[in-house]
Amino acid sequence: VTGENLKNLENHKGGVMPVPGIPILEGKYPSTMDLYPLEAKEFNRVHQFYENLRQKRFTTTKCKKCGHVPFPPRVVCPECNSEDLEWVDLPTRGKVLRFTEEVAGVPLGFDSPLIHALIDLGDGRKFVSRIINCKEGELKGG
C-alpha cells in the first residue's frame, strides 16, 4: 500500500473511495471491501482458484500427504498441516438446497435480484454462492 493510498484510507469516512495506482480500482470502489482484488496473485496464495474459474474450472486443493480435499481451497492442509497441495476439479453441478432473493435494498454495485444459494455438490460438500444471470423467481430448490 502506498503512502498516498494509506492517507486516503485514513481520511475516508464511508461510501466509495477511488484507489489510485491500481487500474482496476481507480474508479469508485466500496470502502468495505479489501483494497486489492482477491484473485491477484501478488496478494493471495490461492489465486490459482480464480485463474481456474476464469477457465471455467471449479477447483479446490488436495493434500498430497493425507489425501484430504477441503473446500474452500487452502494453502495448508487442515488435517495434517502439510503445505504439499495440488489442484483438483470439483463437480460442476449441484443441488440447490436453500436460496434467498434480495430485490429491494440491494447493496451498491449489485444488480437486483441479488440471489444467494446453499448448494450441495453431492460429494459431501456444501457451500453458499451468489447466483448470477438468473431472473427473480426463476431459481427453484432441488
Protein backbone atom coordinates (compact mmCIF):
# COMPACT_ATOMS: atom_id res chain seq x y z
CA VAL A 1 0.00 0.00 0.00
CA THR A 2 1.47 3.33 -0.99
CA GLY A 3 1.62 6.23 1.45
CA GLU A 4 -0.97 8.09 -0.65
CA ASN A 5 -3.39 5.14 -0.56
CA LEU A 6 -2.92 4.80 3.19
CA LYS A 7 -3.56 8.52 3.68
CA ASN A 8 -6.73 8.28 1.54
CA LEU A 9 -7.90 5.33 3.61
CA GLU A 10 -7.25 7.11 6.91
CA ASN A 11 -9.20 10.18 5.73
CA HIS A 12 -12.07 8.14 4.28
CA LYS A 13 -15.32 8.12 6.26
CA GLY A 14 -17.51 5.68 4.29
CA GLY A 15 -19.23 5.45 0.94
CA VAL A 16 -16.97 4.81 -2.01
CA MET A 17 -13.29 5.58 -2.47
CA PRO A 18 -11.00 5.54 -5.51
CA VAL A 19 -7.71 3.65 -5.15
CA PRO A 20 -5.18 5.42 -7.41
CA GLY A 21 -2.31 3.44 -8.88
CA ILE A 22 -4.24 0.18 -9.15
CA PRO A 23 -6.01 0.35 -12.54
CA ILE A 24 -8.92 -1.94 -11.68
CA LEU A 25 -9.64 0.12 -8.55
CA GLU A 26 -9.12 3.66 -9.84
CA GLY A 27 -12.86 4.17 -10.25
CA LYS A 28 -15.31 4.15 -7.36
CA TYR A 29 -14.74 1.23 -5.06
CA PRO A 30 -16.82 0.31 -1.99
CA SER A 31 -14.68 1.03 1.07
CA THR A 32 -16.00 -2.00 2.91
CA MET A 33 -14.09 -4.28 0.52
CA ASP A 34 -10.39 -5.13 0.50
CA LEU A 35 -8.02 -2.70 -1.20
CA TYR A 36 -6.88 -5.42 -3.61
CA PRO A 37 -8.77 -7.82 -5.86
CA LEU A 38 -8.87 -11.22 -4.12
CA GLU A 39 -7.67 -13.01 -7.22
CA ALA A 40 -4.42 -11.04 -7.56
CA LYS A 41 -1.50 -13.46 -7.21
CA GLU A 42 0.58 -10.76 -5.54
CA PHE A 43 -1.82 -10.69 -2.59
CA ASN A 44 -3.40 -14.14 -2.39
CA ARG A 45 -1.86 -17.60 -2.18
CA VAL A 46 -4.97 -19.28 -3.61
CA HIS A 47 -5.04 -17.06 -6.71
CA GLN A 48 -4.99 -20.23 -8.85
CA PHE A 49 -8.62 -20.83 -7.75
CA TYR A 50 -9.63 -17.59 -9.51
CA GLU A 51 -7.49 -18.38 -12.56
CA ASN A 52 -9.22 -21.76 -12.81
CA LEU A 53 -12.66 -20.12 -12.55
CA ARG A 54 -11.75 -17.84 -15.47
CA GLN A 55 -11.02 -21.03 -17.43
CA LYS A 56 -14.44 -22.41 -16.37
CA ARG A 57 -12.90 -24.92 -13.95
CA PHE A 58 -14.31 -25.26 -10.41
CA THR A 59 -11.40 -26.45 -8.28
CA THR A 60 -10.02 -26.83 -4.79
CA THR A 61 -6.83 -28.13 -3.23
CA LYS A 62 -5.99 -31.73 -2.33
CA CYS A 63 -3.31 -32.69 0.18
CA LYS A 64 -0.66 -34.92 -1.40
CA LYS A 65 0.32 -36.24 2.04
CA CYS A 66 -3.02 -37.35 3.54
CA GLY A 67 -5.44 -37.02 0.59
CA HIS A 68 -7.80 -34.56 2.32
CA VAL A 69 -9.80 -32.37 -0.10
CA PRO A 70 -11.01 -29.21 1.68
CA PHE A 71 -13.32 -26.57 0.25
CA PRO A 72 -12.74 -23.68 0.01
CA PRO A 73 -9.15 -24.21 -1.18
CA ARG A 74 -6.40 -23.89 1.40
CA VAL A 75 -2.68 -23.21 1.41
CA VAL A 76 -2.14 -25.60 4.34
CA CYS A 77 -3.99 -28.89 4.83
CA PRO A 78 -6.39 -28.51 7.79
CA GLU A 79 -5.97 -32.22 8.61
CA CYS A 80 -2.18 -32.72 8.68
CA ASN A 81 -0.77 -29.17 8.27
CA SER A 82 1.11 -30.11 5.10
CA GLU A 83 1.79 -27.42 2.51
CA ASP A 84 2.21 -30.02 -0.25
CA LEU A 85 -1.09 -29.49 -2.09
CA GLU A 86 -2.32 -29.92 -5.65
CA TRP A 87 -5.32 -28.51 -7.54
CA VAL A 88 -8.22 -30.89 -8.31
CA ASP A 89 -11.54 -30.39 -10.09
CA LEU A 90 -14.83 -30.37 -8.19
CA PRO A 91 -18.27 -31.33 -9.57
CA THR A 92 -19.74 -28.59 -11.76
CA ARG A 93 -23.36 -29.45 -11.00
CA GLY A 94 -25.13 -29.46 -7.66
CA LYS A 95 -28.49 -29.36 -5.93
CA VAL A 96 -29.92 -26.08 -4.62
CA LEU A 97 -30.93 -26.77 -1.02
CA ARG A 98 -31.99 -23.23 0.00
CA PHE A 99 -31.83 -19.79 -1.57
CA THR A 100 -32.65 -16.14 -0.94
CA GLU A 101 -33.61 -13.42 -3.42
CA GLU A 102 -32.98 -9.83 -2.44
CA VAL A 103 -34.94 -7.48 -4.70
CA ALA A 104 -35.16 -4.23 -2.72
CA GLY A 105 -32.25 -2.71 -0.81
CA VAL A 106 -29.60 -4.39 -2.92
CA PRO A 107 -26.13 -3.07 -1.95
CA LEU A 108 -24.30 -0.57 -4.14
CA GLY A 109 -22.63 -2.25 -7.08
CA PHE A 110 -25.00 -5.23 -7.30
CA ASP A 111 -27.94 -5.73 -9.65
CA SER A 112 -31.37 -6.84 -8.47
CA PRO A 113 -32.20 -9.56 -7.76
CA LEU A 114 -29.24 -10.47 -5.56
CA ILE A 115 -29.51 -14.24 -5.16
CA HIS A 116 -27.54 -16.49 -2.81
CA ALA A 117 -27.97 -20.25 -2.62
CA LEU A 118 -26.83 -23.15 -0.44
CA ILE A 119 -25.60 -25.75 -2.91
CA ASP A 120 -24.91 -29.44 -2.28
CA LEU A 121 -22.30 -30.85 -4.67
CA GLY A 122 -23.34 -34.40 -3.85
CA ASP A 123 -19.89 -35.40 -2.64
CA GLY A 124 -20.42 -34.24 0.94
CA ARG A 125 -19.54 -30.62 0.20
CA LYS A 126 -22.00 -27.78 0.64
CA PHE A 127 -21.31 -24.11 0.07
CA VAL A 128 -23.07 -20.77 -0.28
CA SER A 129 -22.70 -19.00 -3.60
CA ARG A 130 -24.02 -15.93 -5.36
CA ILE A 131 -26.19 -16.88 -8.34
CA ILE A 132 -25.85 -14.68 -11.43
CA ASN A 133 -27.71 -14.47 -14.75
CA CYS A 134 -30.93 -15.59 -13.07
CA LYS A 135 -34.21 -13.64 -13.04
CA GLU A 136 -36.35 -13.14 -9.95
CA GLY A 137 -38.48 -16.24 -9.30
CA GLU A 138 -36.57 -18.38 -11.81
CA LEU A 139 -34.42 -20.38 -9.35
CA LYS A 140 -36.06 -23.43 -7.77
CA GLY A 141 -34.86 -25.62 -4.93
CA GLY A 142 -33.89 -29.21 -5.65
